[in-house]
């Protein structure tokens, strides 16, 4: 059965969370293996987001940090960081509507992060849309 984009974003978050954990100890982690272990069927949407975030992680983190008050993305829990990175990536590198990106990120944060992290994600993405992409 085909997964919704929301379900696929959740898979992206899980893969990026795992990558972030493993990458600290093994910088040569096999991304394809992580994707394969988390999906029952290959999916271009997941692959594009995961590889896109990893490829552009420095620019993504820089943009996110620009809109965080007295915080840095690396101070967020790994789940929150993965959600925020997906959101920034989609805003910057895809044609997904801004409102959809923010809503999807906030919904994931409601499910996997505490309220303070959800608020940070919402604020950062909102500020990025207003200042970077309009």
Protein backbone atom coordinates (compact mmCIF):
# COMPACT_ATOMS: atom_id res chain seq x y z
CA UNK A 1 0.00 0.00 0.00
CA UNK A 2 1.33 3.44 -0.95
CA UNK A 3 2.30 5.74 1.88
CA UNK A 4 1.17 9.34 2.16
CA UNK A 5 3.68 12.16 1.94
CA UNK A 6 3.21 12.68 5.69
CA UNK A 7 4.13 9.05 6.36
CA UNK A 8 7.12 9.36 4.02
CA UNK A 9 8.33 12.50 5.81
CA UNK A 10 8.13 10.53 9.05
CA UNK A 11 10.35 7.87 7.47
CA UNK A 12 12.77 10.61 6.37
CA UNK A 13 12.89 11.90 9.94
CA UNK A 14 13.62 8.43 11.29
CA UNK A 15 16.37 7.83 8.71
CA UNK A 16 17.96 11.24 9.35
CA UNK A 17 17.74 10.67 13.11
CA UNK A 18 19.54 7.34 12.70
CA UNK A 19 22.08 8.87 10.33
CA UNK A 20 22.82 11.64 12.86
CA UNK A 21 23.31 9.08 15.64
CA UNK A 22 25.48 6.70 13.63
CA UNK A 23 27.40 9.42 11.79
CA UNK A 24 29.02 10.60 15.03
CA UNK A 25 30.81 7.26 15.41
CA UNK A 26 30.98 6.13 11.80
CA UNK A 27 31.19 8.99 9.28
CA UNK A 28 31.07 6.48 6.42
CA UNK A 29 27.59 5.19 7.32
CA UNK A 30 25.78 3.65 4.33
CA UNK A 31 22.78 5.89 3.65
CA UNK A 32 21.29 3.42 1.16
CA UNK A 33 21.34 0.73 3.84
CA UNK A 34 19.55 3.02 6.31
CA UNK A 35 16.91 3.85 3.71
CA UNK A 36 16.48 0.18 2.79
CA UNK A 37 16.12 -0.82 6.47
CA UNK A 38 13.34 1.74 6.99
CA UNK A 39 11.31 1.30 3.82
CA UNK A 40 9.55 -1.73 2.45
CA UNK A 41 9.86 -0.34 -1.08
CA UNK A 42 12.30 2.14 -2.64
CA UNK A 43 10.86 5.64 -2.75
CA UNK A 44 12.26 8.60 -4.70
CA UNK A 45 10.64 11.18 -2.39
CA UNK A 46 12.39 9.71 0.67
CA UNK A 47 15.67 9.28 -1.18
CA UNK A 48 15.55 12.89 -2.49
CA UNK A 49 14.88 14.36 0.95
CA UNK A 50 17.39 12.21 2.83
CA UNK A 51 20.19 12.73 0.31
CA UNK A 52 19.24 16.39 -0.08
CA UNK A 53 19.42 17.09 3.64
CA UNK A 54 22.73 15.26 4.01
CA UNK A 55 24.20 16.96 0.94
CA UNK A 56 23.13 20.45 2.02
CA UNK A 57 23.35 20.00 5.79
CA UNK A 58 25.79 22.88 6.32
CA UNK A 59 23.61 25.39 4.43
CA UNK A 60 20.47 24.03 6.10
CA UNK A 61 21.96 24.29 9.58
CA UNK A 62 23.30 27.78 8.87
CA UNK A 63 19.88 28.98 7.72
CA UNK A 64 18.12 27.36 10.70
CA UNK A 65 20.65 28.82 13.15
CA UNK A 66 20.09 32.27 11.67
CA UNK A 67 16.48 32.22 12.94
CA UNK A 68 16.99 30.57 16.33
CA UNK A 69 17.11 32.90 19.34
CA UNK A 70 20.17 32.07 21.45
CA UNK A 71 20.08 28.47 20.20
CA UNK A 72 21.75 26.36 17.56
CA UNK A 73 20.27 23.41 15.74
CA UNK A 74 22.79 21.08 17.39
CA UNK A 75 21.23 21.94 20.79
CA UNK A 76 17.93 20.43 19.70
CA UNK A 77 17.33 16.76 20.28
CA UNK A 78 18.21 14.69 17.22
CA UNK A 79 14.56 14.13 16.35
CA UNK A 80 13.78 17.84 16.44
CA UNK A 81 16.90 18.61 14.41
CA UNK A 82 15.89 16.04 11.77
CA UNK A 83 12.39 17.55 11.51
CA UNK A 84 13.74 21.09 11.23
CA UNK A 85 16.31 20.05 8.61
CA UNK A 86 13.62 18.39 6.49
CA UNK A 87 11.51 21.55 6.73
CA UNK A 88 14.35 23.88 5.76
CA UNK A 89 15.37 21.55 2.94
CA UNK A 90 11.84 21.45 1.54
CA UNK A 91 11.47 25.23 1.77
CA UNK A 92 14.78 25.89 0.06
CA UNK A 93 15.11 23.09 -2.47
CA UNK A 94 11.61 21.86 -3.39
CA UNK A 95 8.41 23.36 -4.72
CA UNK A 96 6.30 22.10 -1.81
CA UNK A 97 4.08 25.00 -0.68
CA UNK A 98 5.42 26.82 2.39
CA UNK A 99 2.26 26.24 4.42
CA UNK A 100 2.45 22.49 3.76
CA UNK A 101 6.13 22.33 4.79
CA UNK A 102 5.46 24.18 8.05
CA UNK A 103 2.33 22.18 8.85
CA UNK A 104 4.03 18.84 8.18
CA UNK A 105 7.02 19.79 10.35
CA UNK A 106 4.79 20.97 13.20
CA UNK A 107 2.69 17.80 13.05
CA UNK A 108 5.83 15.62 13.19
CA UNK A 109 7.14 17.71 16.08
CA UNK A 110 3.83 17.29 17.95
CA UNK A 111 4.26 13.54 17.64
CA UNK A 112 7.98 13.21 18.37
CA UNK A 113 9.19 16.31 20.24
CA UNK A 114 8.19 18.30 23.25
CA UNK A 115 6.22 21.51 23.02
CA UNK A 116 9.25 23.81 23.27
CA UNK A 117 10.95 22.10 20.32
CA UNK A 118 7.72 22.23 18.31
CA UNK A 119 7.54 25.98 18.94
CA UNK A 120 11.16 26.47 17.87
CA UNK A 121 10.59 24.50 14.65
CA UNK A 122 7.44 26.46 13.88
CA UNK A 123 9.12 29.81 14.58
CA UNK A 124 12.29 29.05 12.59
CA UNK A 125 10.37 27.85 9.53
CA UNK A 126 7.96 30.77 9.72
CA UNK A 127 10.81 33.31 9.97
CA UNK A 128 12.68 31.59 7.13
CA UNK A 129 9.61 31.78 4.87
CA UNK A 130 9.09 35.47 5.63
CA UNK A 131 12.74 36.48 5.31
CA UNK A 132 14.29 34.07 2.82
CA UNK A 133 11.68 32.78 0.43
CA UNK A 134 9.31 35.69 -0.25
